[in-house]
Amino acid sequence: DLKPLQATTHAGYSHFRASKSQPKLTVKKCKKMAA
């Protein structure tokens, strides 16, 4: 089942791109998702 993996990878990639412009905001989002 590749769809969940692809969705997770896409979300991580979006976070990575967002971190270049808004690192602090991205960290907060990642911590919320990880919690």
PDB file of N, CA and C in Angstrom:
ATOM      1  N   ASP A   1       0.865  -1.200   0.000  1.00  0.00           N
ATOM      2  CA  ASP A   1       0.000   0.000   0.000  1.00  0.00           C
ATOM      3  C   ASP A   1       0.897   1.246   0.000  1.00  0.00           C
ATOM      4  N   LEU A   2       1.041   1.885  -1.133  1.00  0.00           N
ATOM      5  CA  LEU A   2       1.999   2.985  -1.259  1.00  0.00           C
ATOM      6  C   LEU A   2       1.387   4.344  -0.950  1.00  0.00           C
ATOM      7  N   LYS A   3       0.074   4.447  -0.965  1.00  0.00           N
ATOM      8  CA  LYS A   3      -0.539   5.775  -0.819  1.00  0.00           C
ATOM      9  C   LYS A   3      -0.187   6.457   0.504  1.00  0.00           C
ATOM     10  N   PRO A   4      -0.278   5.774   1.657  1.00  0.00           N
ATOM     11  CA  PRO A   4       0.098   6.439   2.918  1.00  0.00           C
ATOM     12  C   PRO A   4       1.556   6.890   2.910  1.00  0.00           C
ATOM     13  N   LEU A   5       2.440   6.052   2.368  1.00  0.00           N
ATOM     14  CA  LEU A   5       3.858   6.410   2.317  1.00  0.00           C
ATOM     15  C   LEU A   5       4.061   7.639   1.432  1.00  0.00           C
ATOM     16  N   GLN A   6       3.411   7.670   0.285  1.00  0.00           N
ATOM     17  CA  GLN A   6       3.546   8.807  -0.621  1.00  0.00           C
ATOM     18  C   GLN A   6       3.018  10.078   0.037  1.00  0.00           C
ATOM     19  N   ALA A   7       1.909   9.965   0.749  1.00  0.00           N
ATOM     20  CA  ALA A   7       1.336  11.135   1.411  1.00  0.00           C
ATOM     21  C   ALA A   7       2.290  11.662   2.481  1.00  0.00           C
ATOM     22  N   THR A   8       2.902  10.746   3.235  1.00  0.00           N
ATOM     23  CA  THR A   8       3.847  11.145   4.278  1.00  0.00           C
ATOM     24  C   THR A   8       5.064  11.813   3.660  1.00  0.00           C
ATOM     25  N   THR A   9       5.565  11.226   2.582  1.00  0.00           N
ATOM     26  CA  THR A   9       6.737  11.793   1.925  1.00  0.00           C
ATOM     27  C   THR A   9       6.421  13.182   1.381  1.00  0.00           C
ATOM     28  N   HIS A  10       5.249  13.328   0.786  1.00  0.00           N
ATOM     29  CA  HIS A  10       4.858  14.619   0.226  1.00  0.00           C
ATOM     30  C   HIS A  10       4.753  15.664   1.329  1.00  0.00           C
ATOM     31  N   ALA A  11       4.183  15.281   2.470  1.00  0.00           N
ATOM     32  CA  ALA A  11       4.052  16.214   3.590  1.00  0.00           C
ATOM     33  C   ALA A  11       5.437  16.618   4.101  1.00  0.00           C
ATOM     34  N   GLY A  12       6.334  15.647   4.195  1.00  0.00           N
ATOM     35  CA  GLY A  12       7.689  15.950   4.648  1.00  0.00           C
ATOM     36  C   GLY A  12       8.398  16.884   3.682  1.00  0.00           C
ATOM     37  N   TYR A  13       8.181  16.666   2.379  1.00  0.00           N
ATOM     38  CA  TYR A  13       8.808  17.524   1.375  1.00  0.00           C
ATOM     39  C   TYR A  13       8.256  18.937   1.459  1.00  0.00           C
ATOM     40  N   SER A  14       6.957  19.055   1.685  1.00  0.00           N
ATOM     41  CA  SER A  14       6.342  20.379   1.831  1.00  0.00           C
ATOM     42  C   SER A  14       6.921  21.088   3.054  1.00  0.00           C
ATOM     43  N   HIS A  15       7.101  20.346   4.144  1.00  0.00           N
ATOM     44  CA  HIS A  15       7.689  20.927   5.355  1.00  0.00           C
ATOM     45  C   HIS A  15       9.118  21.381   5.081  1.00  0.00           C
ATOM     46  N   PHE A  16       9.859  20.568   4.326  1.00  0.00           N
ATOM     47  CA  PHE A  16      11.247  20.913   4.015  1.00  0.00           C
ATOM     48  C   PHE A  16      11.297  22.195   3.206  1.00  0.00           C
ATOM     49  N   ARG A  17      10.424  22.332   2.212  1.00  0.00           N
ATOM     50  CA  ARG A  17      10.415  23.541   1.387  1.00  0.00           C
ATOM     51  C   ARG A  17       9.980  24.741   2.222  1.00  0.00           C
ATOM     52  N   ALA A  18       8.997  24.536   3.086  1.00  0.00           N
ATOM     53  CA  ALA A  18       8.511  25.641   3.909  1.00  0.00           C
ATOM     54  C   ALA A  18       9.592  26.086   4.898  1.00  0.00           C
ATOM     55  N   SER A  19      10.407  25.140   5.335  1.00  0.00           N
ATOM     56  CA  SER A  19      11.440  25.459   6.336  1.00  0.00           C
ATOM     57  C   SER A  19      12.457  26.443   5.776  1.00  0.00           C
ATOM     58  N   LYS A  20      12.609  26.488   4.457  1.00  0.00           N
ATOM     59  CA  LYS A  20      13.583  27.411   3.877  1.00  0.00           C
ATOM     60  C   LYS A  20      13.131  28.857   4.053  1.00  0.00           C
ATOM     61  N   SER A  21      11.811  29.082   4.066  1.00  0.00           N
ATOM     62  CA  SER A  21      11.308  30.445   4.182  1.00  0.00           C
ATOM     63  C   SER A  21      10.804  30.750   5.596  1.00  0.00           C
ATOM     64  N   GLN A  22      10.312  29.718   6.305  1.00  0.00           N
ATOM     65  CA  GLN A  22       9.766  29.928   7.650  1.00  0.00           C
ATOM     66  C   GLN A  22      10.213  28.799   8.578  1.00  0.00           C
ATOM     67  N   PRO A  23      11.492  28.759   8.940  1.00  0.00           N
ATOM     68  CA  PRO A  23      12.001  27.642   9.735  1.00  0.00           C
ATOM     69  C   PRO A  23      11.314  27.483  11.087  1.00  0.00           C
ATOM     70  N   LYS A  24      11.087  28.578  11.782  1.00  0.00           N
ATOM     71  CA  LYS A  24      10.485  28.477  13.120  1.00  0.00           C
ATOM     72  C   LYS A  24       9.057  27.936  13.031  1.00  0.00           C
ATOM     73  N   LEU A  25       8.293  28.431  12.070  1.00  0.00           N
ATOM     74  CA  LEU A  25       6.915  27.973  11.910  1.00  0.00           C
ATOM     75  C   LEU A  25       6.892  26.489  11.560  1.00  0.00           C
ATOM     76  N   THR A  26       7.824  26.064  10.718  1.00  0.00           N
ATOM     77  CA  THR A  26       7.877  24.660  10.307  1.00  0.00           C
ATOM     78  C   THR A  26       8.202  23.761  11.494  1.00  0.00           C
ATOM     79  N   VAL A  27       9.120  24.204  12.337  1.00  0.00           N
ATOM     80  CA  VAL A  27       9.482  23.414  13.520  1.00  0.00           C
ATOM     81  C   VAL A  27       8.253  23.215  14.399  1.00  0.00           C
ATOM     82  N   LYS A  28       7.472  24.275  14.583  1.00  0.00           N
ATOM     83  CA  LYS A  28       6.268  24.154  15.404  1.00  0.00           C
ATOM     84  C   LYS A  28       5.298  23.144  14.796  1.00  0.00           C
ATOM     85  N   LYS A  29       5.129  23.197  13.482  1.00  0.00           N
ATOM     86  CA  LYS A  29       4.219  22.268  12.810  1.00  0.00           C
ATOM     87  C   LYS A  29       4.719  20.837  12.940  1.00  0.00           C
ATOM     88  N   CYS A  30       6.028  20.632  12.762  1.00  0.00           N
ATOM     89  CA  CYS A  30       6.593  19.288  12.846  1.00  0.00           C
ATOM     90  C   CYS A  30       6.424  18.728  14.257  1.00  0.00           C
ATOM     91  N   LYS A  31       6.638  19.567  15.254  1.00  0.00           N
ATOM     92  CA  LYS A  31       6.488  19.105  16.633  1.00  0.00           C
ATOM     93  C   LYS A  31       5.027  18.738  16.910  1.00  0.00           C
ATOM     94  N   LYS A  32       4.096  19.524  16.358  1.00  0.00           N
ATOM     95  CA  LYS A  32       2.680  19.210  16.549  1.00  0.00           C
ATOM     96  C   LYS A  32       2.340  17.871  15.909  1.00  0.00           C
ATOM     97  N   MET A  33       2.858  17.636  14.692  1.00  0.00           N
ATOM     98  CA  MET A  33       2.571  16.397  13.980  1.00  0.00           C
ATOM     99  C   MET A  33       3.219  15.209  14.687  1.00  0.00           C
ATOM    100  N   ALA A  34       4.402  15.421  15.236  1.00  0.00           N
ATOM    101  CA  ALA A  34       5.115  14.332  15.904  1.00  0.00           C
ATOM    102  C   ALA A  34       4.479  14.004  17.249  1.00  0.00           C
ATOM    103  N   ALA A  35       3.892  14.983  17.896  1.00  0.00           N
ATOM    104  CA  ALA A  35       3.309  14.786  19.221  1.00  0.00           C
ATOM    105  C   ALA A  35       2.125  13.819  19.161  1.00  0.00           C
TER     106      ALA A  35
END
